[in-house]
Amino acid sequence: MALDLRAAVHGAVSIRVNEPGLALPPLEEQIGRFLTKIVGVSLTPE
């Protein structure tokens, strides 16, 4: 699970560095989705 999260976050950051013109969601929002879907935790209380 840790390697999956690491790969997802690395990819999200890498695409921002290498393709700065792409219309992407905010990084914090995207990482929140990674945590929810890969790890099963939420940054916001439900």
N, C-alpha and C. Protein backbone atom coordinates (compact mmCIF):
# COMPACT_ATOMS: atom_id res chain seq x y z
N MET A 1 0.82 -1.19 0.00
CA MET A 1 0.00 0.00 0.00
C MET A 1 0.87 1.26 0.00
N ALA A 2 1.94 1.25 0.78
CA ALA A 2 2.81 2.42 0.84
C ALA A 2 3.44 2.73 -0.51
N LEU A 3 3.86 1.69 -1.21
CA LEU A 3 4.47 1.92 -2.53
C LEU A 3 3.44 2.42 -3.54
N ASP A 4 2.21 1.96 -3.43
CA ASP A 4 1.15 2.45 -4.32
C ASP A 4 0.91 3.94 -4.09
N LEU A 5 0.83 4.34 -2.83
CA LEU A 5 0.62 5.76 -2.51
C LEU A 5 1.82 6.59 -2.97
N ARG A 6 3.01 6.08 -2.74
CA ARG A 6 4.22 6.79 -3.17
C ARG A 6 4.24 6.99 -4.68
N ALA A 7 3.89 5.95 -5.42
CA ALA A 7 3.87 6.05 -6.89
C ALA A 7 2.82 7.05 -7.36
N ALA A 8 1.66 7.04 -6.72
CA ALA A 8 0.59 7.97 -7.11
C ALA A 8 1.00 9.42 -6.86
N VAL A 9 1.55 9.68 -5.68
CA VAL A 9 1.96 11.05 -5.35
C VAL A 9 3.12 11.49 -6.25
N HIS A 10 4.08 10.60 -6.47
CA HIS A 10 5.20 10.93 -7.36
C HIS A 10 4.69 11.28 -8.75
N GLY A 11 3.75 10.51 -9.26
CA GLY A 11 3.19 10.79 -10.58
C GLY A 11 2.47 12.13 -10.63
N ALA A 12 1.72 12.44 -9.58
CA ALA A 12 0.99 13.71 -9.54
C ALA A 12 1.94 14.90 -9.54
N VAL A 13 3.01 14.78 -8.77
CA VAL A 13 3.99 15.88 -8.71
C VAL A 13 4.78 15.95 -10.02
N SER A 14 5.17 14.80 -10.53
CA SER A 14 5.97 14.75 -11.75
C SER A 14 5.24 15.38 -12.93
N ILE A 15 3.96 15.09 -13.06
CA ILE A 15 3.22 15.65 -14.20
C ILE A 15 3.10 17.16 -14.08
N ARG A 16 3.03 17.67 -12.86
CA ARG A 16 2.97 19.13 -12.67
C ARG A 16 4.30 19.80 -13.04
N VAL A 17 5.40 19.13 -12.73
CA VAL A 17 6.72 19.67 -13.05
C VAL A 17 6.97 19.63 -14.55
N ASN A 18 6.61 18.52 -15.19
CA ASN A 18 6.94 18.32 -16.59
C ASN A 18 5.90 18.84 -17.58
N GLU A 19 4.68 19.05 -17.13
CA GLU A 19 3.61 19.57 -17.99
C GLU A 19 2.87 20.70 -17.27
N PRO A 20 3.54 21.82 -17.02
CA PRO A 20 2.94 22.88 -16.20
C PRO A 20 1.68 23.52 -16.80
N GLY A 21 1.45 23.34 -18.08
CA GLY A 21 0.29 23.96 -18.70
C GLY A 21 -1.00 23.15 -18.61
N LEU A 22 -0.92 21.92 -18.10
CA LEU A 22 -2.12 21.09 -18.03
C LEU A 22 -3.09 21.61 -16.97
N ALA A 23 -4.36 21.48 -17.29
CA ALA A 23 -5.40 21.87 -16.33
C ALA A 23 -5.62 20.68 -15.38
N LEU A 24 -5.03 20.77 -14.20
CA LEU A 24 -5.11 19.69 -13.22
C LEU A 24 -5.81 20.18 -11.96
N PRO A 25 -6.40 19.26 -11.20
CA PRO A 25 -7.00 19.66 -9.94
C PRO A 25 -5.90 20.08 -8.96
N PRO A 26 -6.26 20.82 -7.93
CA PRO A 26 -5.24 21.19 -6.93
C PRO A 26 -4.57 19.93 -6.35
N LEU A 27 -3.28 20.02 -6.10
CA LEU A 27 -2.52 18.86 -5.63
C LEU A 27 -3.08 18.33 -4.31
N GLU A 28 -3.42 19.21 -3.39
CA GLU A 28 -3.95 18.77 -2.10
C GLU A 28 -5.23 17.96 -2.28
N GLU A 29 -6.10 18.42 -3.19
CA GLU A 29 -7.34 17.69 -3.47
C GLU A 29 -7.05 16.31 -4.06
N GLN A 30 -6.11 16.26 -4.97
CA GLN A 30 -5.77 15.00 -5.62
C GLN A 30 -5.14 14.02 -4.62
N ILE A 31 -4.26 14.51 -3.77
CA ILE A 31 -3.64 13.64 -2.76
C ILE A 31 -4.70 13.16 -1.76
N GLY A 32 -5.66 14.01 -1.45
CA GLY A 32 -6.76 13.58 -0.59
C GLY A 32 -7.51 12.40 -1.20
N ARG A 33 -7.72 12.44 -2.50
CA ARG A 33 -8.38 11.31 -3.18
C ARG A 33 -7.51 10.06 -3.14
N PHE A 34 -6.20 10.23 -3.31
CA PHE A 34 -5.29 9.08 -3.22
C PHE A 34 -5.39 8.44 -1.84
N LEU A 35 -5.37 9.26 -0.81
CA LEU A 35 -5.45 8.73 0.55
C LEU A 35 -6.76 7.97 0.77
N THR A 36 -7.84 8.53 0.25
CA THR A 36 -9.14 7.88 0.42
C THR A 36 -9.21 6.57 -0.34
N LYS A 37 -8.79 6.59 -1.59
CA LYS A 37 -8.96 5.40 -2.44
C LYS A 37 -7.88 4.33 -2.22
N ILE A 38 -6.65 4.74 -1.95
CA ILE A 38 -5.57 3.77 -1.81
C ILE A 38 -5.43 3.30 -0.36
N VAL A 39 -5.48 4.26 0.57
CA VAL A 39 -5.22 3.95 1.97
C VAL A 39 -6.51 3.71 2.76
N GLY A 40 -7.58 4.41 2.36
CA GLY A 40 -8.85 4.26 3.07
C GLY A 40 -9.05 5.24 4.21
N VAL A 41 -8.32 6.37 4.16
CA VAL A 41 -8.49 7.41 5.17
C VAL A 41 -8.96 8.69 4.49
N SER A 42 -9.61 9.55 5.26
CA SER A 42 -10.12 10.79 4.71
C SER A 42 -9.52 11.97 5.47
N LEU A 43 -9.17 13.03 4.73
CA LEU A 43 -8.63 14.23 5.37
C LEU A 43 -9.72 15.07 6.02
N THR A 44 -10.93 14.91 5.55
CA THR A 44 -12.06 15.67 6.10
C THR A 44 -13.00 14.73 6.83
N PRO A 45 -13.53 15.18 7.96
CA PRO A 45 -14.49 14.32 8.68
C PRO A 45 -15.77 14.14 7.87
N GLU A 46 -16.32 12.95 7.93
CA GLU A 46 -17.54 12.67 7.17
C GLU A 46 -18.76 12.82 8.03
